[in-house]
Amino acid sequence: MAETAVRYLRSVGAATVAEPVPAHPRPELRAVRADERPPVDSGEFRRVLGHFASGVTVITARDADGPAGFACQSFASLSLDPPLIAFMVARTSTTWPRIARAGAFCVNVLGADQGELCRGFAVSGADKFAGVGHGPAPVSGAPLLTGVPAWLDCTIHAVHTGGDHLIVVGRVDALDAVAEGGEPLLFHRGTFGGFRPGP
C-alpha cells in the first residue's frame, strides 16, 4: 500500500519526502546515581516483551577470516524510498565487529522448519556454518543460507547507539523470496512456532 501511495503522489507531482523536522532541544544529561534503581526491572521487561511475537533471521557476512553470522529476531523494515532495513545487535556481540569490517551483510529470513538452524546460530564460540549449506549473496558475497524463504543483501548505511545494543541500518541492494509457501519461523515467549492463517 505504501508503494502505491508513493506512485500516486509522484504521478500528481506531490512531494514524497517530508520537509526536515526541526530537532528537539537536547535533554539535560546526568549520571545515574548508584542508589537510583532502574525504572523497569530487566526480568520483568524481558517477560512482558516476550508476548510480542517476532520473525527470526540470521544475519551473515564474510570478512577476511571467512563467514560469520548470528541469529537475530530484532529485525524490521525501515524505509521504502530508499529501501532500508534495520536490526539490533548487542554491544557485546563477537560477530558484529566482523560484520562491521565487512561493511555489508545478508539478512536470511528463516522458515517455520528452520528452528534448529536458528539455534545453531544463537550459540557463541562454535563453528556455526558446519554442515550448513550456503552460497554467496549476489552483491555482498555474504552467506546466503540454503532453503530460506526470503533474503535481503545489504550495505551498512548507518549505526546508532541504543542502550546496550547498536541499531544497524542497512541499504538493500538485492532481495528475493520464494514464490509460494515459505511459512515464517516465529519466536514468542521463549519458544519457536509457526504461523497459521485465519479463515
Protein backbone atom coordinates (compact mmCIF):
# COMPACT_ATOMS: atom_id res chain seq x y z
CA MET A 1 0.00 0.00 0.00
CA ALA A 2 2.85 2.41 0.80
CA GLU A 3 4.37 1.80 -2.63
CA THR A 4 1.01 2.58 -4.31
CA ALA A 5 0.72 5.81 -2.35
CA VAL A 6 4.22 6.90 -3.35
CA ARG A 7 3.48 6.18 -7.03
CA TYR A 8 0.27 8.22 -6.84
CA LEU A 9 1.95 11.18 -5.14
CA ARG A 10 4.68 11.19 -7.78
CA SER A 11 2.11 10.98 -10.61
CA VAL A 12 0.39 14.16 -9.40
CA GLY A 13 3.64 15.99 -8.74
CA ALA A 14 3.34 15.95 -4.97
CA ALA A 15 6.38 15.65 -2.75
CA THR A 16 7.16 12.18 -1.46
CA VAL A 17 9.78 13.30 1.04
CA ALA A 18 8.70 15.28 4.09
CA GLU A 19 10.29 18.62 4.89
CA PRO A 20 13.06 18.40 7.51
CA VAL A 21 11.70 18.30 11.04
CA PRO A 22 13.34 20.72 13.47
CA ALA A 23 15.39 18.94 16.10
CA HIS A 24 14.03 18.83 19.64
CA PRO A 25 16.09 20.58 22.30
CA ARG A 26 18.81 18.33 23.66
CA PRO A 27 17.69 16.85 27.01
CA GLU A 28 19.69 17.58 30.10
CA LEU A 29 22.02 14.67 30.72
CA ARG A 30 23.30 13.47 34.07
CA ALA A 31 24.83 10.34 35.50
CA VAL A 32 22.56 7.85 37.26
CA ARG A 33 23.48 7.54 40.92
CA ALA A 34 24.25 4.14 42.42
CA ASP A 35 21.22 4.40 44.73
CA GLU A 36 18.81 5.00 41.84
CA ARG A 37 17.14 1.81 40.72
CA PRO A 38 16.25 1.39 37.06
CA PRO A 39 12.65 2.40 36.31
CA VAL A 40 11.89 -1.11 34.99
CA ASP A 41 13.14 -4.44 36.27
CA SER A 42 15.10 -6.15 33.48
CA GLY A 43 13.48 -9.55 34.11
CA GLU A 44 10.00 -8.05 34.00
CA PHE A 45 10.92 -6.09 30.88
CA ARG A 46 12.01 -9.31 29.15
CA ARG A 47 8.89 -11.20 30.32
CA VAL A 48 6.44 -8.59 29.08
CA LEU A 49 8.16 -8.09 25.72
CA GLY A 50 8.17 -11.86 25.28
CA HIS A 51 4.47 -11.53 24.47
CA PHE A 52 5.36 -9.78 21.23
CA ALA A 53 5.83 -12.39 18.51
CA SER A 54 8.58 -11.70 16.01
CA GLY A 55 10.08 -13.28 12.96
CA VAL A 56 13.58 -14.74 13.10
CA THR A 57 16.54 -14.02 10.86
CA VAL A 58 20.19 -14.94 10.58
CA ILE A 59 22.45 -12.00 9.74
CA THR A 60 25.54 -13.15 7.84
CA ALA A 61 28.68 -11.56 6.40
CA ARG A 62 32.03 -12.61 5.01
CA ASP A 63 35.27 -10.98 6.12
CA ALA A 64 38.93 -11.92 5.68
CA ASP A 65 38.52 -14.73 8.23
CA GLY A 66 35.59 -16.35 6.41
CA PRO A 67 31.83 -16.49 7.04
CA ALA A 68 30.24 -15.01 10.16
CA GLY A 69 26.66 -14.87 11.37
CA PHE A 70 24.27 -14.66 14.28
CA ALA A 71 20.57 -15.28 14.96
CA CYS A 72 18.57 -12.07 15.16
CA GLN A 73 14.90 -11.51 15.98
CA SER A 74 15.16 -7.72 16.27
CA PHE A 75 14.84 -7.05 12.55
CA ALA A 76 12.43 -4.67 10.80
CA SER A 77 11.79 -2.88 7.54
CA LEU A 78 12.54 0.82 7.90
CA SER A 79 12.10 2.77 4.66
CA LEU A 80 10.64 2.20 1.21
CA ASP A 81 12.47 5.02 -0.55
CA PRO A 82 15.37 4.50 -0.20
CA PRO A 83 14.98 0.80 0.66
CA LEU A 84 16.30 0.49 4.22
CA ILE A 85 16.05 -2.18 6.89
CA ALA A 86 17.28 -2.24 10.48
CA PHE A 87 18.43 -4.79 13.01
CA MET A 88 19.66 -4.54 16.57
CA VAL A 89 22.75 -6.29 17.93
CA ALA A 90 24.18 -6.43 21.44
CA ARG A 91 27.29 -4.34 22.01
CA THR A 92 28.90 -7.48 23.46
CA SER A 93 28.43 -9.46 20.24
CA THR A 94 31.66 -11.00 18.95
CA THR A 95 30.14 -11.40 15.47
CA TRP A 96 29.15 -7.77 14.97
CA PRO A 97 32.75 -6.44 14.63
CA ARG A 98 33.29 -8.88 11.75
CA ILE A 99 30.09 -7.73 10.03
CA ALA A 100 31.12 -4.10 10.57
CA ARG A 101 34.53 -4.79 8.99
CA ALA A 102 32.84 -6.45 6.00
CA GLY A 103 30.64 -3.36 5.51
CA ALA A 104 27.82 -5.48 4.09
CA PHE A 105 25.60 -8.35 5.18
CA CYS A 106 22.78 -10.67 4.17
CA VAL A 107 19.53 -10.97 6.12
CA ASN A 108 18.34 -14.59 5.90
CA VAL A 109 14.65 -14.78 6.85
CA LEU A 110 14.07 -18.19 8.42
CA GLY A 111 11.20 -20.52 7.63
CA ALA A 112 8.98 -22.47 10.01
CA ASP A 113 11.11 -25.63 9.69
CA GLN A 114 14.43 -23.90 10.47
CA GLY A 115 14.33 -23.71 14.25
CA GLU A 116 17.43 -25.90 14.62
CA LEU A 117 19.30 -23.72 12.14
CA CYS A 118 18.43 -20.71 14.29
CA ARG A 119 19.63 -22.44 17.46
CA GLY A 120 22.95 -23.18 15.77
CA PHE A 121 23.49 -19.51 15.01
CA ALA A 122 22.40 -18.44 18.50
CA VAL A 123 25.42 -20.05 20.23
CA SER A 124 28.83 -18.47 20.73
CA GLY A 125 32.19 -20.00 20.06
CA ALA A 126 31.10 -22.84 17.77
CA ASP A 127 31.55 -23.24 14.01
CA LYS A 128 28.08 -22.00 13.13
CA PHE A 129 28.46 -22.88 9.44
CA ALA A 130 29.42 -26.53 9.97
CA GLY A 131 27.07 -28.59 7.81
CA VAL A 132 25.06 -25.52 6.78
CA GLY A 133 24.53 -25.10 3.04
CA HIS A 134 25.06 -21.63 1.67
CA GLY A 135 26.17 -19.67 -1.36
CA PRO A 136 27.23 -16.07 -1.96
CA ALA A 137 24.63 -13.30 -1.93
CA PRO A 138 24.75 -11.56 -5.32
CA VAL A 139 26.12 -8.16 -4.28
CA SER A 140 27.96 -8.53 -0.95
CA GLY A 141 29.04 -12.15 -1.27
CA ALA A 142 27.76 -12.71 2.29
CA PRO A 143 26.50 -16.24 3.00
CA LEU A 144 23.00 -16.77 1.66
CA LEU A 145 21.69 -19.80 3.55
CA THR A 146 20.17 -22.64 1.57
CA GLY A 147 16.40 -23.04 1.86
CA VAL A 148 15.48 -19.71 3.44
CA PRO A 149 12.13 -18.36 2.21
CA ALA A 150 13.46 -14.79 1.77
CA TRP A 151 16.71 -12.85 1.87
CA LEU A 152 18.00 -9.27 1.59
CA ASP A 153 21.55 -8.37 0.54
CA CYS A 154 22.54 -5.09 2.21
CA THR A 155 25.25 -2.49 2.66
CA ILE A 156 25.72 -0.88 6.08
CA HIS A 157 24.08 2.56 5.84
CA ALA A 158 24.34 3.82 9.44
CA VAL A 159 24.91 2.60 13.00
CA HIS A 160 23.27 4.23 16.03
CA THR A 161 23.62 3.58 19.75
CA GLY A 162 20.65 2.21 21.66
CA GLY A 163 21.48 1.43 25.27
CA ASP A 164 23.23 -1.92 25.48
CA HIS A 165 22.56 -2.54 21.75
CA LEU A 166 23.53 -0.99 18.44
CA ILE A 167 20.91 -0.10 15.83
CA VAL A 168 22.25 -1.05 12.41
CA VAL A 169 20.59 0.42 9.32
CA GLY A 170 21.21 -1.36 6.04
CA ARG A 171 20.51 -0.25 2.47
CA VAL A 172 19.02 -3.09 0.43
CA ASP A 173 21.00 -3.83 -2.75
CA ALA A 174 19.24 -7.06 -3.77
CA LEU A 175 16.47 -9.28 -2.40
CA ASP A 176 14.24 -12.21 -3.26
CA ALA A 177 11.62 -14.54 -1.79
CA VAL A 178 10.08 -17.86 -2.73
CA ALA A 179 7.02 -17.53 -4.94
CA GLU A 180 4.71 -19.64 -2.77
CA GLY A 181 4.67 -21.14 0.69
CA GLY A 182 7.61 -20.17 2.83
CA GLU A 183 5.80 -20.02 6.16
CA PRO A 184 7.83 -17.95 8.67
CA LEU A 185 9.58 -19.07 11.83
CA LEU A 186 8.17 -17.10 14.76
CA PHE A 187 9.59 -16.51 18.23
CA HIS A 188 7.15 -15.99 21.11
CA ARG A 189 7.65 -16.22 24.88
CA GLY A 190 10.94 -18.05 24.55
CA THR A 191 9.83 -20.69 22.04
CA PHE A 192 9.64 -21.15 18.28
CA GLY A 193 6.38 -21.56 16.42
CA GLY A 194 4.75 -21.13 13.05
CA PHE A 195 2.02 -19.06 11.51
CA ARG A 196 -1.49 -20.37 10.87
CA PRO A 197 -3.50 -18.13 8.52
CA GLY A 198 -7.05 -17.29 9.58
CA PRO A 199 -10.16 -18.30 7.62
